[in-house]
Amino acid sequence: MSDKEKLENTKDKVAGKVRETAGKVTGDKKEESKGKVQNLSGKVKEKFEDLKDSAEGAVEELKDKFDKKDK
């Protein structure tokens, strides 16, 4: 995962938590819900990027094994 992607995901999580808290404090359920969604969106994107990185690593391992086997 690139640093830019990490920053964007963290930004979504933090901004979402701020919106959620602001909504709770002001009693604005709509803002609170938007914050929860934004926070969750950042978490989901982060997990997706981690999964993508893991899959890429697994593919590289398989390539290495096949390359060694062919030699």
Foldseek 3Di string as FASTA:
>chain_A
DDPVLLVQLVVQLVQLVVQLVVCVVVVPVVSNVSSVVSNVVSVVSVVVVVVVVVVVVVVVVVVVVVVVVVD
